[in-house]
Amino acid sequence: MKLVPYWLDSISPVSGTALSEFPTRADVVVVGGGFTGLSAARTLAKAGKTVVVLEADQIACHASGRNGGHVNNGTAGNFQSMVGKYGLEQAVALYRFFDDAVDTVEQIVTSENIDCDFRRCGKLKVAWTEKHLAGLRADQDAVKQHVDPETDLLDRDAVAAEIGGSTTFEGGMLYRKSAQMHVGKFGSALAANAMSTGAKIFENTPMTALHRAGNVFEVSSSSGVIQAQNVLLATGTSRRAPNWFRRRVMPVGSFIVATAPMSEDLFSRILPGRRNVVTTRNIHNYFRTTADRRLIFGGRANFSQSSEKSDIQSGQILHSALTEIYPELESTEIDYCWGGNVDMSVDRLPHAGEWNGVTYAMGLSGHGVQMSVHLGHLLGQKLSGEQVDIPVWNRPWQPIPAYGLATHFMPVVGAYYRAKDRYL
């Protein structure tokens, strides 16, 4: 079993720009070489801007290459709860924002002819209990009435037919606009496309300091100092971001396993609908298949940040959850096991805006595959001088309560949610 992401191990990664080309000036410096930064760089370069991306490690090697490969529409939280908190108009706008994010990914894949196994497959949100199903039923009624008539509620038998005959779930909600892709292939192609358009991407080049010098920013890095008119911070959970951002982003570990390739017969039975699947447990799981006949199965298996020890422990927990749904996979080997940190915000919504003149996009809260690409594209347009509508622009962003101590309490939070799943 390899303790590396399947997505990154199954590609030939693209190399960044040679350090000999490191400039001293740029129109825009983008800090972070994940999907947000790469998407922004591509859009900026296409608009004729000189853009430099600083990546502390390798291109798309963190959250962008360590997720489940879901490109889902639908917000992270309950639609009715969003209506109660923000009002119907804002809730509808936010829901459609996620729809638009999936569209943006598809448009880039199509326009650039990216071979990344992109497919509109739909998402199933499946209910563990009758109580969960009642909640899904009420939410689906509201979603269908106000914003997405293409959703459906499936009964127990319909869900069982979708996920290989498993009777684990009481029913589910089907979102038809969701998609999936091979995020390793997509990330490499996005970076290559941005560089072919003129962007410079420097790997192993962390930002070390950032300050305003008159009308420009001075961005210091391990490779030199760049003066720029604008700076975009797309650092996710990085500790290199200014403290104002770190206090608003909680790094939460998410863990994934990938099975060995299955026989055609077994593979055709496991998930015949080839949907993305997300469960309603508090300690939820998410899974999907791949083009080479694997099952990718993930979840919040361990309420700690990713490390070799926690990844191994989480792999064992995930294997147990996987075989609870699919007992016939008990003897199927696990080829890959890995973890990564999700940048969670208190309200579970993405945040973008301007802070002290610096543009930012962070706090994607588990919906980063599509939203990172979409926000990066929109911010690239905005920094190129276009007028764009960004529903989350400069929204109030609450700091993490008891920041600095909160991560130490995550195992306790995990135990609480496991108890809720077991007894409530």
Protein backbone atom coordinates (compact mmCIF):
# COMPACT_ATOMS: atom_id res chain seq x y z
CA MET A 1 0.00 0.00 0.00
CA LYS A 2 1.42 3.35 -1.05
CA LEU A 3 1.01 6.34 1.28
CA VAL A 4 0.74 8.81 -1.61
CA PRO A 5 -2.28 10.17 -3.50
CA TYR A 6 -3.41 7.91 -6.33
CA TRP A 7 -4.04 10.98 -8.49
CA LEU A 8 -0.44 12.20 -8.26
CA ASP A 9 1.18 8.77 -8.46
CA SER A 10 -0.61 7.92 -11.71
CA ILE A 11 0.61 10.91 -13.77
CA SER A 12 3.80 12.43 -15.08
CA PRO A 13 3.76 15.78 -13.27
CA VAL A 14 4.48 18.96 -15.18
CA SER A 15 7.58 20.91 -14.12
CA GLY A 16 7.42 24.58 -13.22
CA THR A 17 9.44 27.44 -14.71
CA ALA A 18 13.22 27.31 -14.34
CA LEU A 19 14.54 29.46 -11.47
CA SER A 20 16.89 31.16 -13.93
CA GLU A 21 13.80 32.95 -15.27
CA PHE A 22 12.81 34.38 -11.87
CA PRO A 23 11.70 37.99 -12.48
CA THR A 24 11.83 41.11 -10.34
CA ARG A 25 8.51 42.57 -11.52
CA ALA A 26 5.04 41.30 -12.43
CA ASP A 27 1.54 42.61 -12.79
CA VAL A 28 0.26 39.96 -10.38
CA VAL A 29 1.97 37.57 -7.98
CA VAL A 30 -0.14 34.54 -7.08
CA VAL A 31 0.85 32.77 -3.86
CA GLY A 32 -0.15 29.11 -4.09
CA GLY A 33 0.12 26.66 -6.97
CA GLY A 34 -3.09 24.71 -6.39
CA PHE A 35 -6.20 24.93 -8.55
CA THR A 36 -7.10 28.44 -7.35
CA GLY A 37 -3.71 29.87 -8.19
CA LEU A 38 -3.33 27.94 -11.45
CA SER A 39 -6.80 28.90 -12.66
CA ALA A 40 -6.18 32.55 -11.82
CA ALA A 41 -2.77 32.47 -13.53
CA ARG A 42 -4.28 30.98 -16.69
CA THR A 43 -6.99 33.66 -16.86
CA LEU A 44 -4.57 36.50 -16.09
CA ALA A 45 -2.06 35.33 -18.70
CA LYS A 46 -4.78 35.02 -21.32
CA ALA A 47 -5.73 38.63 -20.55
CA GLY A 48 -2.14 39.72 -21.28
CA LYS A 49 -1.02 40.22 -17.69
CA THR A 50 2.45 39.23 -16.50
CA VAL A 51 1.81 36.75 -13.71
CA VAL A 52 4.09 34.81 -11.38
CA VAL A 53 2.96 31.88 -9.24
CA LEU A 54 4.96 31.05 -6.11
CA GLU A 55 4.45 27.47 -4.87
CA ALA A 56 6.19 26.36 -1.68
CA ASP A 57 6.23 22.72 -2.78
CA GLN A 58 5.14 21.14 -6.09
CA ILE A 59 2.30 22.09 -8.40
CA ALA A 60 -1.12 20.97 -7.06
CA CYS A 61 0.49 18.65 -4.50
CA HIS A 62 -1.65 19.63 -1.51
CA ALA A 63 -5.47 19.86 -1.35
CA SER A 64 -5.82 20.06 -5.15
CA GLY A 65 -4.15 16.68 -5.57
CA ARG A 66 -5.34 15.01 -2.34
CA ASN A 67 -9.13 15.06 -2.65
CA GLY A 68 -11.74 12.57 -3.82
CA GLY A 69 -12.02 13.90 -7.36
CA HIS A 70 -15.66 14.98 -6.93
CA VAL A 71 -16.79 18.07 -8.86
CA ASN A 72 -20.08 18.53 -7.03
CA ASN A 73 -22.83 21.08 -7.17
CA GLY A 74 -24.96 21.78 -4.12
CA THR A 75 -23.70 23.67 -1.08
CA ALA A 76 -21.86 22.10 1.84
CA GLY A 77 -24.77 22.73 4.21
CA ASN A 78 -28.52 22.22 4.21
CA PHE A 79 -30.30 24.54 1.75
CA GLN A 80 -33.14 25.27 4.18
CA SER A 81 -30.65 26.21 6.88
CA MET A 82 -29.02 28.64 4.46
CA VAL A 83 -32.41 30.17 3.69
CA GLY A 84 -33.01 30.62 7.42
CA LYS A 85 -29.59 32.18 7.96
CA TYR A 86 -29.18 34.34 4.85
CA GLY A 87 -32.64 34.65 3.30
CA LEU A 88 -33.97 32.99 0.16
CA GLU A 89 -32.33 35.36 -2.34
CA GLN A 90 -28.81 34.88 -0.96
CA ALA A 91 -29.29 31.13 -0.49
CA VAL A 92 -30.34 30.77 -4.13
CA ALA A 93 -27.38 32.88 -5.28
CA LEU A 94 -24.95 30.76 -3.28
CA TYR A 95 -26.45 27.49 -4.57
CA ARG A 96 -26.16 28.71 -8.16
CA PHE A 97 -22.60 29.80 -7.46
CA PHE A 98 -21.71 26.15 -6.91
CA ASP A 99 -23.57 25.18 -10.12
CA ASP A 100 -21.51 27.78 -11.97
CA ALA A 101 -18.31 26.33 -10.49
CA VAL A 102 -18.99 22.92 -12.05
CA ASP A 103 -19.72 24.66 -15.37
CA THR A 104 -16.41 26.53 -15.21
CA VAL A 105 -14.45 23.30 -14.73
CA GLU A 106 -16.24 21.74 -17.70
CA GLN A 107 -15.64 24.81 -19.88
CA ILE A 108 -11.90 24.74 -19.16
CA VAL A 109 -11.67 20.98 -19.76
CA THR A 110 -13.53 21.37 -23.06
CA SER A 111 -11.85 24.53 -24.34
CA GLU A 112 -8.34 23.28 -23.55
CA ASN A 113 -9.07 19.68 -24.59
CA ILE A 114 -7.85 18.36 -21.22
CA ASP A 115 -7.79 14.58 -20.91
CA CYS A 116 -8.76 14.11 -17.25
CA ASP A 117 -11.70 11.66 -17.36
CA PHE A 118 -14.17 14.51 -16.75
CA ARG A 119 -17.73 13.21 -16.68
CA ARG A 120 -21.09 14.61 -15.61
CA CYS A 121 -22.15 11.72 -13.40
CA GLY A 122 -24.46 13.22 -10.77
CA LYS A 123 -24.14 13.05 -6.99
CA LEU A 124 -26.10 10.88 -4.58
CA LYS A 125 -26.46 12.10 -1.00
CA VAL A 126 -27.55 8.93 0.78
CA ALA A 127 -29.36 8.66 4.13
CA TRP A 128 -28.19 6.30 6.87
CA THR A 129 -31.42 6.59 8.88
CA GLU A 130 -35.11 7.35 8.41
CA LYS A 131 -34.53 10.61 10.26
CA HIS A 132 -31.78 11.56 7.80
CA LEU A 133 -34.08 10.67 4.90
CA ALA A 134 -36.85 12.89 6.28
CA GLY A 135 -34.37 15.75 6.38
CA LEU A 136 -33.28 15.07 2.80
CA ARG A 137 -36.90 14.91 1.68
CA ALA A 138 -37.69 18.33 3.17
CA ASP A 139 -34.52 19.86 1.75
CA GLN A 140 -35.06 18.39 -1.70
CA ASP A 141 -38.59 19.84 -1.76
CA ALA A 142 -37.16 23.30 -1.05
CA VAL A 143 -34.29 22.94 -3.53
CA LYS A 144 -36.58 21.70 -6.29
CA GLN A 145 -39.08 24.49 -5.69
CA HIS A 146 -36.65 27.39 -5.48
CA VAL A 147 -33.42 26.67 -7.33
CA ASP A 148 -32.78 23.23 -8.87
CA PRO A 149 -35.70 21.35 -10.46
CA GLU A 150 -33.29 18.67 -11.71
CA THR A 151 -32.89 17.10 -8.26
CA ASP A 152 -34.82 13.98 -7.22
CA LEU A 153 -35.51 12.01 -4.06
CA LEU A 154 -34.77 8.29 -4.39
CA ASP A 155 -36.29 5.59 -2.20
CA ARG A 156 -34.39 2.71 -0.61
CA ASP A 157 -34.73 0.41 -3.63
CA ALA A 158 -33.66 3.09 -6.11
CA VAL A 159 -30.54 3.87 -4.08
CA ALA A 160 -29.74 0.17 -3.76
CA ALA A 161 -29.92 -0.14 -7.56
CA GLU A 162 -27.53 2.82 -7.90
CA ILE A 163 -24.90 1.46 -5.51
CA GLY A 164 -24.71 -2.20 -6.35
CA GLY A 165 -27.61 -3.63 -4.40
CA SER A 166 -26.38 -2.49 -0.98
CA THR A 167 -29.31 -2.02 1.40
CA THR A 168 -27.30 0.08 3.85
CA PHE A 169 -29.15 3.31 3.06
CA GLU A 170 -32.77 4.38 3.53
CA GLY A 171 -32.88 6.55 0.43
CA GLY A 172 -31.12 9.57 -1.02
CA MET A 173 -31.15 12.82 -2.94
CA LEU A 174 -29.84 12.93 -6.49
CA TYR A 175 -28.09 16.06 -7.79
CA ARG A 176 -27.83 15.62 -11.55
CA LYS A 177 -25.34 18.43 -12.36
CA SER A 178 -22.36 17.04 -10.41
CA ALA A 179 -19.28 15.66 -12.14
CA GLN A 180 -15.99 13.90 -11.46
CA MET A 181 -12.48 13.91 -12.89
CA HIS A 182 -8.89 12.76 -12.41
CA VAL A 183 -7.56 15.74 -10.48
CA GLY A 184 -3.91 14.85 -11.07
CA LYS A 185 -4.32 14.96 -14.83
CA PHE A 186 -6.37 18.15 -14.59
CA GLY A 187 -3.84 19.94 -12.37
CA SER A 188 -0.89 19.12 -14.61
CA ALA A 189 -2.77 20.20 -17.72
CA LEU A 190 -3.99 23.42 -16.08
CA ALA A 191 -0.44 24.34 -15.06
CA ALA A 192 0.95 23.51 -18.50
CA ASN A 193 -1.77 25.59 -20.14
CA ALA A 194 -1.11 28.57 -17.85
CA MET A 195 2.63 28.44 -18.63
CA SER A 196 2.04 28.06 -22.38
CA THR A 197 -0.03 31.24 -22.21
CA GLY A 198 2.78 33.15 -20.48
CA ALA A 199 2.45 32.55 -16.74
CA LYS A 200 5.60 31.69 -14.79
CA ILE A 201 5.21 29.05 -12.06
CA PHE A 202 8.04 28.56 -9.58
CA GLU A 203 7.99 25.40 -7.48
CA ASN A 204 9.82 25.02 -4.15
CA THR A 205 9.65 28.79 -3.82
CA PRO A 206 7.74 29.79 -0.68
CA MET A 207 6.73 33.36 0.03
CA THR A 208 8.73 34.56 3.04
CA ALA A 209 7.42 38.11 3.46
CA LEU A 210 4.82 40.47 2.01
CA HIS A 211 4.53 44.21 2.46
CA ARG A 212 3.32 47.34 0.68
CA ALA A 213 5.96 49.69 -0.74
CA GLY A 214 4.16 52.79 -2.01
CA ASN A 215 1.90 51.80 -4.89
CA VAL A 216 3.27 48.29 -5.25
CA PHE A 217 3.68 45.13 -3.20
CA GLU A 218 7.04 43.60 -2.48
CA VAL A 219 6.78 39.84 -2.30
CA SER A 220 9.85 38.16 -0.83
CA SER A 221 10.53 34.52 -1.54
CA SER A 222 13.31 31.98 -1.22
CA SER A 223 14.30 32.84 -4.81
CA GLY A 224 14.19 36.63 -4.64
CA VAL A 225 11.92 39.66 -4.33
CA ILE A 226 9.22 40.61 -6.84
CA GLN A 227 7.43 43.93 -7.11
CA ALA A 228 3.80 43.56 -8.19
CA GLN A 229 0.74 45.72 -8.69
CA ASN A 230 -1.49 43.03 -7.18
CA VAL A 231 -1.12 39.93 -5.02
CA LEU A 232 -3.52 36.98 -4.86
CA LEU A 233 -3.26 34.74 -1.80
CA ALA A 234 -4.48 31.21 -2.55
CA THR A 235 -2.65 29.38 0.21
CA GLY A 236 -5.37 27.22 1.76
CA THR A 237 -4.19 25.90 5.13
CA SER A 238 -0.58 27.02 4.67
CA ARG A 239 1.08 28.42 7.77
CA ARG A 240 2.83 30.96 5.55
CA ALA A 241 -0.31 33.07 5.13
CA PRO A 242 -0.66 36.19 7.29
CA ASN A 243 -2.11 35.56 10.75
CA TRP A 244 -5.43 37.23 9.84
CA PHE A 245 -6.14 34.36 7.45
CA ARG A 246 -4.77 31.59 9.65
CA ARG A 247 -7.21 32.63 12.39
CA ARG A 248 -10.10 32.07 9.98
CA VAL A 249 -9.13 28.72 8.46
CA MET A 250 -9.27 25.45 10.37
CA PRO A 251 -7.12 22.68 8.84
CA VAL A 252 -9.22 19.51 9.09
CA GLY A 253 -7.82 16.17 7.96
CA SER A 254 -9.61 14.22 5.26
CA PHE A 255 -8.43 10.75 4.36
CA ILE A 256 -8.84 8.52 1.31
CA VAL A 257 -8.09 5.00 0.12
CA ALA A 258 -8.04 3.64 -3.42
CA THR A 259 -8.61 -0.04 -4.06
CA ALA A 260 -6.68 -2.16 -6.51
CA PRO A 261 -8.29 -2.39 -9.97
CA MET A 262 -11.26 -4.76 -9.88
CA SER A 263 -12.41 -7.37 -12.35
CA GLU A 264 -14.90 -6.15 -14.94
CA ASP A 265 -17.63 -8.23 -13.31
CA LEU A 266 -17.08 -6.95 -9.77
CA PHE A 267 -16.61 -3.38 -10.95
CA SER A 268 -19.87 -3.43 -12.92
CA ARG A 269 -21.75 -4.48 -9.75
CA ILE A 270 -20.20 -2.12 -7.21
CA LEU A 271 -21.46 1.23 -8.47
CA PRO A 272 -23.37 0.68 -11.73
CA GLY A 273 -24.64 4.29 -11.84
CA ARG A 274 -21.02 5.57 -11.58
CA ARG A 275 -22.25 8.43 -9.41
CA ASN A 276 -20.39 10.40 -6.80
CA VAL A 277 -21.78 9.28 -3.43
CA VAL A 278 -21.80 11.20 -0.13
CA THR A 279 -23.32 9.86 3.09
CA THR A 280 -25.29 11.80 5.72
CA ARG A 281 -23.43 10.62 8.81
CA ASN A 282 -21.69 13.30 10.86
CA ILE A 283 -18.48 11.31 10.26
CA HIS A 284 -19.45 11.02 6.64
CA ASN A 285 -17.91 9.12 3.77
CA TYR A 286 -17.68 9.89 0.07
CA PHE A 287 -16.84 7.54 -2.77
CA ARG A 288 -16.69 7.08 -6.53
CA THR A 289 -15.09 4.85 -9.15
CA THR A 290 -12.25 5.55 -11.59
CA ALA A 291 -11.62 4.86 -15.26
CA ASP A 292 -9.17 2.07 -14.33
CA ARG A 293 -11.80 0.22 -12.24
CA ARG A 294 -10.87 1.34 -8.71
CA LEU A 295 -13.07 2.54 -5.89
CA ILE A 296 -11.94 5.81 -4.29
CA PHE A 297 -13.34 5.94 -0.74
CA GLY A 298 -12.75 8.81 1.69
CA GLY A 299 -13.98 10.54 4.81
CA ARG A 300 -13.19 12.26 8.11
CA ALA A 301 -11.79 9.02 9.47
CA ASN A 302 -9.42 10.64 11.95
CA PHE A 303 -9.95 14.04 13.58
CA SER A 304 -6.32 14.99 13.33
CA GLN A 305 -4.21 16.51 10.61
CA SER A 306 -2.64 14.35 7.95
CA SER A 307 0.60 12.56 8.84
CA GLU A 308 2.02 9.13 8.06
CA LYS A 309 0.69 7.73 11.35
CA SER A 310 -2.79 9.23 11.02
CA ASP A 311 -2.99 8.26 7.34
CA ILE A 312 -2.31 4.59 8.18
CA GLN A 313 -4.83 4.61 11.05
CA SER A 314 -7.39 6.32 8.86
CA GLY A 315 -6.86 3.80 6.08
CA GLN A 316 -7.85 1.01 8.47
CA ILE A 317 -10.95 2.93 9.58
CA LEU A 318 -11.93 3.65 5.99
CA HIS A 319 -11.49 0.01 4.99
CA SER A 320 -13.95 -0.97 7.74
CA ALA A 321 -16.46 1.65 6.55
CA LEU A 322 -16.00 0.56 2.94
CA THR A 323 -16.70 -3.10 3.72
CA GLU A 324 -19.72 -2.13 5.85
CA ILE A 325 -21.27 -0.86 2.61
CA TYR A 326 -19.64 -3.42 0.31
CA PRO A 327 -18.91 -6.68 2.19
CA GLU A 328 -17.82 -8.28 -1.09
CA LEU A 329 -14.78 -5.98 -1.14
CA GLU A 330 -13.33 -7.48 2.06
CA SER A 331 -10.62 -9.28 0.13
CA THR A 332 -9.97 -6.47 -2.38
CA GLU A 333 -6.56 -4.96 -1.74
CA ILE A 334 -6.01 -1.29 -0.93
CA ASP A 335 -3.35 0.11 -3.26
CA TYR A 336 -3.23 3.70 -1.99
CA CYS A 337 -3.91 5.48 1.28
CA TRP A 338 -3.38 9.20 1.81
CA GLY A 339 -4.59 12.25 3.68
CA GLY A 340 -4.78 15.97 3.22
CA ASN A 341 -6.03 19.03 5.07
CA VAL A 342 -9.26 20.78 4.15
CA ASP A 343 -9.39 24.54 4.83
CA MET A 344 -12.64 24.83 6.79
CA SER A 345 -14.32 28.13 7.61
CA VAL A 346 -16.80 28.48 10.48
CA ASP A 347 -19.76 29.00 8.11
CA ARG A 348 -18.57 26.24 5.70
CA LEU A 349 -18.67 28.72 2.81
CA PRO A 350 -15.78 29.76 0.55
CA HIS A 351 -14.41 33.24 1.13
CA ALA A 352 -12.90 35.70 -1.33
CA GLY A 353 -12.23 39.38 -1.09
CA GLU A 354 -9.62 42.02 -0.39
CA TRP A 355 -7.64 42.48 2.82
CA ASN A 356 -5.19 45.39 3.13
CA GLY A 357 -5.14 45.59 -0.66
CA VAL A 358 -4.36 41.87 -1.05
CA THR A 359 -6.85 39.70 -2.94
CA TYR A 360 -7.59 36.28 -1.44
CA ALA A 361 -9.60 33.08 -1.90
CA MET A 362 -9.65 30.51 0.92
CA GLY A 363 -11.88 28.51 3.25
CA LEU A 364 -13.30 26.27 0.53
CA SER A 365 -14.56 23.83 3.18
CA GLY A 366 -14.49 20.53 1.34
CA HIS A 367 -15.89 21.78 -1.97
CA GLY A 368 -12.55 22.95 -3.27
CA VAL A 369 -12.17 21.01 -6.53
CA GLN A 370 -14.77 22.99 -8.44
CA MET A 371 -14.82 26.14 -6.31
CA SER A 372 -11.06 26.66 -6.43
CA VAL A 373 -11.08 26.56 -10.22
CA HIS A 374 -14.11 28.85 -10.41
CA LEU A 375 -12.89 31.41 -7.87
CA GLY A 376 -9.43 31.45 -9.43
CA HIS A 377 -10.96 32.19 -12.83
CA LEU A 378 -13.23 34.93 -11.45
CA LEU A 379 -10.41 36.58 -9.50
CA GLY A 380 -8.20 36.42 -12.58
CA GLN A 381 -10.91 38.28 -14.48
CA LYS A 382 -11.33 40.81 -11.67
CA LEU A 383 -7.59 41.50 -11.45
CA SER A 384 -7.56 41.93 -15.23
CA GLY A 385 -10.03 44.79 -14.88
CA GLU A 386 -13.28 43.00 -15.72
CA GLN A 387 -16.53 43.49 -13.83
CA VAL A 388 -17.51 40.15 -12.28
CA ASP A 389 -20.11 39.07 -9.77
CA ILE A 390 -18.69 37.01 -6.90
CA PRO A 391 -21.43 36.16 -4.37
CA VAL A 392 -18.92 35.52 -1.57
CA TRP A 393 -16.90 38.69 -2.17
CA ASN A 394 -15.93 40.30 1.15
CA ARG A 395 -18.60 38.40 3.08
CA PRO A 396 -18.19 38.58 6.88
CA TRP A 397 -15.62 35.99 7.87
CA GLN A 398 -15.72 34.85 11.48
CA PRO A 399 -12.44 33.87 13.16
CA ILE A 400 -12.12 30.36 14.57
CA PRO A 401 -13.23 30.46 18.23
CA ALA A 402 -10.27 29.88 20.57
CA TYR A 403 -7.91 29.85 17.60
CA GLY A 404 -4.61 28.25 18.55
CA LEU A 405 -6.32 25.80 20.87
CA ALA A 406 -9.06 24.59 18.56
CA THR A 407 -6.95 22.02 16.71
CA HIS A 408 -6.09 20.33 20.02
CA PHE A 409 -9.80 19.72 20.66
CA MET A 410 -10.48 18.09 17.28
CA PRO A 411 -10.19 14.50 18.63
CA VAL A 412 -12.83 15.39 21.24
CA VAL A 413 -15.05 16.83 18.50
CA GLY A 414 -14.57 13.62 16.53
CA ALA A 415 -15.58 11.48 19.51
CA TYR A 416 -18.71 13.59 19.98
CA TYR A 417 -19.78 13.17 16.35
CA ARG A 418 -19.07 9.43 16.41
CA ALA A 419 -21.32 9.15 19.46
CA LYS A 420 -24.05 11.07 17.64
CA ASP A 421 -23.76 8.74 14.66
CA ARG A 422 -23.96 5.68 16.89
CA TYR A 423 -26.70 6.64 19.33
CA LEU A 424 -28.85 9.43 17.80
